[in-house]
Structures are given as structure tokens and as C-alpha cells.
Amino acid sequence: MQTIIMCGGKGTRLREETAVKPKPMVEIGGRPVLWHIMSIYARFGYRDFVLPLGYKGEVIKQYFHDYRSRNADFTVELKTGDITVHPCPMEDWRVTLCDTGQETLKGGRLKRVARYIEG
């Protein structure tokens, strides 16, 4: 079953933090709030996530794009540029990121991610 987590708000009450990153990426204990929410769902068997992105969505996209290199050890051969990622425990999640527009309201965000919802 897929889990939709709305990631579009501007987080105006957290202005000190959200001026440079979206609300879901505010860190607690070295990890974004979004990661903590997803890990709670994962504990109950929900590991397929759809994230409708809005305000500063590119920050969330970049986080998941670089997720493996941020969380794994790796070796870089400087001469060749080859990278070897060393095995480590990694979350077994599937994350679909969909840019739904910065000013889109919740209903519009759901409509825009409908094409990624299975069943």
C-alpha cells in the first residue's frame, strides 16, 4: 500500500528554519522530520511513499537523490573517478517525488500525484 505524505507547505511558523529549506527537511537528531515520519510508517509495513512536493521541493528531491551517498561509506579512486559503495544497512523504501507546484492546494496536489497511485 502506498502512503502519501504532503510536502508542499511553506512552514511559515518555522521561518528561521524554513527560509533555506522546506518544513519536512527541518532536522531532528541529525535526520529530517520527513525521514522520521517515513520510518514510523515503515515500522508498520508501509514502505512505498508518494511525496507531492511544493515549496523548495528541489531540496527534498536532492536529499533522496543523494540518499545512498549520504548514508553509506564509499571509496573513491581519485585517478579514475570510480566509486565503490560499501554495503551497509539501508531502508527498504520506494519514494516517488512529484513536483505539484508551489501554490497548489491539497486537493490539487492529490490530483497531480494520482497517476503514481497504484490500484
N, C-alpha and C. Protein backbone atom coordinates (compact mmCIF):
# COMPACT_ATOMS: atom_id res chain seq x y z
N MET A 1 0.84 -1.18 0.00
CA MET A 1 0.00 0.00 0.00
C MET A 1 0.88 1.24 0.00
N GLN A 2 0.47 2.22 -0.77
CA GLN A 2 1.23 3.47 -0.85
C GLN A 2 0.78 4.46 0.21
N THR A 3 1.72 5.27 0.65
CA THR A 3 1.47 6.29 1.65
C THR A 3 1.80 7.65 1.04
N ILE A 4 0.84 8.55 1.03
CA ILE A 4 1.07 9.90 0.52
C ILE A 4 1.39 10.79 1.71
N ILE A 5 2.51 11.48 1.62
CA ILE A 5 2.91 12.43 2.67
C ILE A 5 3.02 13.80 2.02
N MET A 6 2.16 14.71 2.41
CA MET A 6 2.12 16.04 1.83
C MET A 6 3.38 16.83 2.22
N CYS A 7 4.09 17.32 1.21
CA CYS A 7 5.35 18.04 1.45
C CYS A 7 5.35 19.37 0.70
N GLY A 8 4.26 20.11 0.77
CA GLY A 8 4.17 21.31 -0.04
C GLY A 8 4.11 22.61 0.71
N GLY A 9 3.86 22.57 2.02
CA GLY A 9 3.67 23.80 2.78
C GLY A 9 4.94 24.63 2.95
N LYS A 10 4.73 25.90 3.23
CA LYS A 10 5.86 26.81 3.39
C LYS A 10 6.43 26.83 4.80
N GLY A 11 5.71 26.33 5.77
CA GLY A 11 6.23 26.27 7.14
C GLY A 11 6.50 27.64 7.71
N THR A 12 5.55 28.56 7.56
CA THR A 12 5.78 29.94 7.98
C THR A 12 5.99 30.10 9.48
N ARG A 13 5.49 29.17 10.28
CA ARG A 13 5.70 29.28 11.73
C ARG A 13 7.10 28.86 12.13
N LEU A 14 7.83 28.27 11.21
CA LEU A 14 9.23 27.87 11.45
C LEU A 14 10.17 28.71 10.59
N ARG A 15 9.82 29.95 10.37
CA ARG A 15 10.52 30.82 9.42
C ARG A 15 12.04 30.79 9.57
N GLU A 16 12.56 30.70 10.79
CA GLU A 16 14.02 30.70 10.97
C GLU A 16 14.65 29.53 10.23
N GLU A 17 13.98 28.39 10.24
CA GLU A 17 14.50 27.18 9.59
C GLU A 17 14.09 27.10 8.13
N THR A 18 12.83 27.47 7.84
CA THR A 18 12.29 27.23 6.51
C THR A 18 12.63 28.30 5.48
N ALA A 19 13.42 29.27 5.86
CA ALA A 19 13.87 30.26 4.88
C ALA A 19 14.84 29.61 3.89
N VAL A 20 15.54 28.57 4.33
CA VAL A 20 16.54 27.92 3.48
C VAL A 20 16.18 26.49 3.10
N LYS A 21 15.21 25.88 3.77
CA LYS A 21 14.81 24.51 3.45
C LYS A 21 13.33 24.33 3.76
N PRO A 22 12.68 23.37 3.11
CA PRO A 22 11.26 23.16 3.38
C PRO A 22 11.03 22.53 4.74
N LYS A 23 9.84 22.72 5.26
CA LYS A 23 9.49 22.22 6.59
C LYS A 23 9.80 20.74 6.80
N PRO A 24 9.52 19.85 5.83
CA PRO A 24 9.82 18.43 6.07
C PRO A 24 11.31 18.13 6.23
N MET A 25 12.16 19.06 5.83
CA MET A 25 13.61 18.84 5.91
C MET A 25 14.25 19.45 7.15
N VAL A 26 13.45 20.04 8.04
CA VAL A 26 13.97 20.54 9.31
C VAL A 26 14.48 19.33 10.10
N GLU A 27 15.68 19.43 10.60
CA GLU A 27 16.31 18.27 11.24
C GLU A 27 16.00 18.13 12.72
N ILE A 28 15.82 16.87 13.09
CA ILE A 28 15.70 16.47 14.49
C ILE A 28 16.65 15.29 14.67
N GLY A 29 17.59 15.40 15.56
CA GLY A 29 18.52 14.31 15.80
C GLY A 29 19.35 13.95 14.58
N GLY A 30 19.67 14.94 13.75
CA GLY A 30 20.52 14.69 12.59
C GLY A 30 19.80 14.15 11.36
N ARG A 31 18.49 13.99 11.44
CA ARG A 31 17.70 13.50 10.30
C ARG A 31 16.51 14.43 10.08
N PRO A 32 16.05 14.57 8.83
CA PRO A 32 14.88 15.42 8.58
C PRO A 32 13.61 14.86 9.21
N VAL A 33 12.69 15.73 9.55
CA VAL A 33 11.39 15.33 10.09
C VAL A 33 10.73 14.33 9.14
N LEU A 34 10.85 14.56 7.84
CA LEU A 34 10.27 13.66 6.85
C LEU A 34 10.78 12.23 7.01
N TRP A 35 12.07 12.07 7.22
CA TRP A 35 12.65 10.74 7.42
C TRP A 35 12.03 10.07 8.65
N HIS A 36 11.87 10.82 9.74
CA HIS A 36 11.27 10.27 10.96
C HIS A 36 9.83 9.81 10.70
N ILE A 37 9.06 10.60 9.98
CA ILE A 37 7.68 10.23 9.66
C ILE A 37 7.67 8.95 8.83
N MET A 38 8.53 8.90 7.82
CA MET A 38 8.58 7.71 6.96
C MET A 38 9.02 6.48 7.73
N SER A 39 9.94 6.63 8.66
CA SER A 39 10.41 5.47 9.43
C SER A 39 9.30 4.94 10.35
N ILE A 40 8.45 5.82 10.85
CA ILE A 40 7.31 5.36 11.66
C ILE A 40 6.36 4.54 10.79
N TYR A 41 6.03 5.04 9.61
CA TYR A 41 5.17 4.27 8.70
C TYR A 41 5.83 2.94 8.34
N ALA A 42 7.13 2.95 8.10
CA ALA A 42 7.84 1.73 7.70
C ALA A 42 7.78 0.66 8.79
N ARG A 43 7.81 1.08 10.04
CA ARG A 43 7.70 0.11 11.14
C ARG A 43 6.39 -0.67 11.10
N PHE A 44 5.37 -0.08 10.49
CA PHE A 44 4.07 -0.73 10.38
C PHE A 44 3.85 -1.34 9.00
N GLY A 45 4.93 -1.45 8.22
CA GLY A 45 4.86 -2.14 6.94
C GLY A 45 4.60 -1.27 5.73
N TYR A 46 4.47 0.03 5.90
CA TYR A 46 4.24 0.94 4.79
C TYR A 46 5.58 1.47 4.30
N ARG A 47 6.01 1.01 3.12
CA ARG A 47 7.35 1.36 2.64
C ARG A 47 7.34 1.97 1.24
N ASP A 48 6.16 2.23 0.71
CA ASP A 48 6.02 2.80 -0.62
C ASP A 48 5.40 4.19 -0.46
N PHE A 49 6.20 5.22 -0.69
CA PHE A 49 5.79 6.59 -0.40
C PHE A 49 5.64 7.42 -1.67
N VAL A 50 4.64 8.28 -1.68
CA VAL A 50 4.45 9.26 -2.74
C VAL A 50 4.49 10.62 -2.06
N LEU A 51 5.39 11.49 -2.52
CA LEU A 51 5.57 12.80 -1.90
C LEU A 51 5.20 13.91 -2.88
N PRO A 52 4.03 14.55 -2.70
CA PRO A 52 3.68 15.72 -3.51
C PRO A 52 4.50 16.92 -3.00
N LEU A 53 5.36 17.43 -3.85
CA LEU A 53 6.29 18.49 -3.44
C LEU A 53 5.78 19.86 -3.84
N GLY A 54 6.09 20.83 -3.00
CA GLY A 54 5.74 22.22 -3.28
C GLY A 54 6.92 23.11 -2.97
N TYR A 55 6.80 23.91 -1.92
CA TYR A 55 7.81 24.88 -1.51
C TYR A 55 9.17 24.22 -1.32
N LYS A 56 10.16 24.68 -2.08
CA LYS A 56 11.53 24.18 -2.03
C LYS A 56 11.60 22.66 -2.20
N GLY A 57 10.75 22.14 -3.07
CA GLY A 57 10.71 20.71 -3.34
C GLY A 57 12.02 20.15 -3.86
N GLU A 58 12.79 21.01 -4.52
CA GLU A 58 14.08 20.55 -5.06
C GLU A 58 15.04 20.11 -3.95
N VAL A 59 14.88 20.65 -2.75
CA VAL A 59 15.73 20.24 -1.62
C VAL A 59 15.40 18.80 -1.22
N ILE A 60 14.12 18.47 -1.23
CA ILE A 60 13.69 17.11 -0.90
C ILE A 60 14.15 16.15 -1.99
N LYS A 61 13.99 16.55 -3.25
CA LYS A 61 14.46 15.71 -4.36
C LYS A 61 15.95 15.44 -4.24
N GLN A 62 16.73 16.45 -3.95
CA GLN A 62 18.18 16.30 -3.84
C GLN A 62 18.54 15.37 -2.67
N TYR A 63 17.82 15.49 -1.57
CA TYR A 63 18.09 14.63 -0.41
C TYR A 63 17.94 13.16 -0.79
N PHE A 64 16.84 12.81 -1.46
CA PHE A 64 16.64 11.41 -1.82
C PHE A 64 17.52 10.97 -2.98
N HIS A 65 17.84 11.89 -3.87
CA HIS A 65 18.76 11.57 -4.96
C HIS A 65 20.13 11.18 -4.41
N ASP A 66 20.58 11.90 -3.40
CA ASP A 66 21.90 11.66 -2.80
C ASP A 66 21.85 10.76 -1.57
N TYR A 67 20.69 10.15 -1.31
CA TYR A 67 20.48 9.40 -0.07
C TYR A 67 21.55 8.34 0.17
N ARG A 68 21.84 7.54 -0.85
CA ARG A 68 22.80 6.44 -0.70
C ARG A 68 24.19 6.98 -0.32
N SER A 69 24.65 8.00 -1.02
CA SER A 69 25.99 8.52 -0.73
C SER A 69 26.05 9.24 0.62
N ARG A 70 24.92 9.80 1.07
CA ARG A 70 24.88 10.46 2.38
C ARG A 70 24.94 9.47 3.53
N ASN A 71 24.43 8.25 3.29
CA ASN A 71 24.26 7.31 4.39
C ASN A 71 25.12 6.06 4.30
N ALA A 72 25.94 5.94 3.29
CA ALA A 72 26.80 4.76 3.15
C ALA A 72 28.26 5.20 3.10
N ASP A 73 29.13 4.29 3.48
CA ASP A 73 30.56 4.53 3.30
C ASP A 73 30.91 4.19 1.86
N PHE A 74 31.87 4.89 1.30
CA PHE A 74 32.30 4.56 -0.04
C PHE A 74 33.76 4.93 -0.24
N THR A 75 34.35 4.35 -1.27
CA THR A 75 35.74 4.61 -1.62
C THR A 75 35.77 5.25 -3.00
N VAL A 76 36.58 6.30 -3.16
CA VAL A 76 36.72 6.97 -4.44
C VAL A 76 38.15 6.77 -4.94
N GLU A 77 38.28 6.24 -6.14
CA GLU A 77 39.59 6.14 -6.80
C GLU A 77 39.80 7.48 -7.50
N LEU A 78 40.66 8.32 -6.94
CA LEU A 78 40.81 9.67 -7.45
C LEU A 78 41.33 9.72 -8.88
N LYS A 79 42.17 8.80 -9.25
CA LYS A 79 42.74 8.80 -10.59
C LYS A 79 41.68 8.50 -11.65
N THR A 80 40.80 7.53 -11.37
CA THR A 80 39.81 7.10 -12.37
C THR A 80 38.42 7.68 -12.11
N GLY A 81 38.15 8.09 -10.89
CA GLY A 81 36.82 8.58 -10.55
C GLY A 81 35.85 7.47 -10.19
N ASP A 82 36.35 6.22 -10.17
CA ASP A 82 35.49 5.10 -9.80
C ASP A 82 35.09 5.19 -8.34
N ILE A 83 33.84 4.86 -8.07
CA ILE A 83 33.31 4.89 -6.70
C ILE A 83 32.80 3.51 -6.35
N THR A 84 33.24 3.02 -5.20
CA THR A 84 32.75 1.76 -4.68
C THR A 84 31.96 2.05 -3.41
N VAL A 85 30.66 1.72 -3.45
CA VAL A 85 29.81 1.91 -2.27
C VAL A 85 29.90 0.65 -1.44
N HIS A 86 30.23 0.80 -0.17
CA HIS A 86 30.37 -0.34 0.72
C HIS A 86 29.01 -0.73 1.30
N PRO A 87 28.77 -2.03 1.43
CA PRO A 87 27.47 -2.49 1.95
C PRO A 87 27.20 -1.94 3.35
N CYS A 88 25.96 -1.56 3.56
CA CYS A 88 25.53 -1.09 4.87
C CYS A 88 24.02 -1.23 4.93
N PRO A 89 23.46 -1.28 6.12
CA PRO A 89 22.00 -1.36 6.22
C PRO A 89 21.36 -0.11 5.61
N MET A 90 20.34 -0.32 4.81
CA MET A 90 19.67 0.79 4.13
C MET A 90 18.16 0.55 4.20
N GLU A 91 17.41 1.60 4.32
CA GLU A 91 15.96 1.49 4.36
C GLU A 91 15.45 0.86 3.07
N ASP A 92 14.46 0.00 3.21
CA ASP A 92 13.85 -0.66 2.05
C ASP A 92 12.59 0.12 1.68
N TRP A 93 12.79 1.32 1.16
CA TRP A 93 11.67 2.20 0.83
C TRP A 93 11.67 2.49 -0.66
N ARG A 94 10.48 2.73 -1.17
CA ARG A 94 10.31 3.23 -2.53
C ARG A 94 9.71 4.62 -2.39
N VAL A 95 10.36 5.62 -2.97
CA VAL A 95 9.93 7.01 -2.79
C VAL A 95 9.68 7.64 -4.16
N THR A 96 8.44 8.06 -4.42
CA THR A 96 8.09 8.76 -5.65
C THR A 96 7.95 10.23 -5.31
N LEU A 97 8.71 11.07 -6.00
CA LEU A 97 8.70 12.51 -5.74
C LEU A 97 8.04 13.21 -6.92
N CYS A 98 7.02 14.00 -6.64
CA CYS A 98 6.25 14.65 -7.70
C CYS A 98 6.14 16.14 -7.42
N ASP A 99 6.67 16.95 -8.34
CA ASP A 99 6.56 18.40 -8.20
C ASP A 99 5.13 18.79 -8.53
N THR A 100 4.40 19.32 -7.56
CA THR A 100 2.98 19.66 -7.75
C THR A 100 2.75 21.17 -7.79
N GLY A 101 3.79 21.97 -7.74
CA GLY A 101 3.64 23.42 -7.81
C GLY A 101 3.64 24.06 -6.43
N GLN A 102 4.26 25.20 -6.35
CA GLN A 102 4.45 25.86 -5.06
C GLN A 102 3.14 26.38 -4.46
N GLU A 103 2.23 26.82 -5.27
CA GLU A 103 0.99 27.43 -4.76
C GLU A 103 -0.22 26.49 -4.81
N THR A 104 -0.02 25.24 -5.21
CA THR A 104 -1.13 24.29 -5.34
C THR A 104 -1.67 23.89 -3.97
N LEU A 105 -2.99 23.85 -3.85
CA LEU A 105 -3.62 23.45 -2.59
C LEU A 105 -3.67 21.92 -2.50
N LYS A 106 -4.07 21.41 -1.34
CA LYS A 106 -4.02 19.96 -1.08
C LYS A 106 -4.77 19.12 -2.11
N GLY A 107 -5.97 19.50 -2.45
CA GLY A 107 -6.74 18.74 -3.44
C GLY A 107 -6.03 18.66 -4.78
N GLY A 108 -5.44 19.77 -5.19
CA GLY A 108 -4.69 19.81 -6.44
C GLY A 108 -3.45 18.94 -6.38
N ARG A 109 -2.82 18.90 -5.23
CA ARG A 109 -1.63 18.05 -5.07
C ARG A 109 -2.01 16.58 -5.21
N LEU A 110 -3.13 16.21 -4.58
CA LEU A 110 -3.58 14.82 -4.68
C LEU A 110 -3.92 14.46 -6.12
N LYS A 111 -4.57 15.37 -6.83
CA LYS A 111 -4.92 15.11 -8.23
C LYS A 111 -3.66 14.93 -9.08
N ARG A 112 -2.64 15.71 -8.81
CA ARG A 112 -1.41 15.64 -9.60
C ARG A 112 -0.59 14.39 -9.34
N VAL A 113 -0.72 13.79 -8.16
CA VAL A 113 0.02 12.54 -7.88
C VAL A 113 -0.81 11.31 -8.20
N ALA A 114 -2.08 11.49 -8.61
CA ALA A 114 -2.96 10.34 -8.86
C ALA A 114 -2.35 9.37 -9.87
N ARG A 115 -1.61 9.87 -10.84
CA ARG A 115 -1.03 8.99 -11.87
C ARG A 115 0.03 8.05 -11.30
N TYR A 116 0.53 8.33 -10.10
CA TYR A 116 1.54 7.47 -9.48
C TYR A 116 0.95 6.50 -8.46
N ILE A 117 -0.34 6.60 -8.23
CA ILE A 117 -1.01 5.74 -7.26
C ILE A 117 -1.44 4.45 -7.96
N GLU A 118 -1.04 3.35 -7.40
CA GLU A 118 -1.38 2.05 -7.99
C GLU A 118 -2.67 1.52 -7.37
N GLY A 119 -3.53 0.93 -8.21
CA GLY A 119 -4.78 0.34 -7.72
C GLY A 119 -5.78 1.40 -7.45
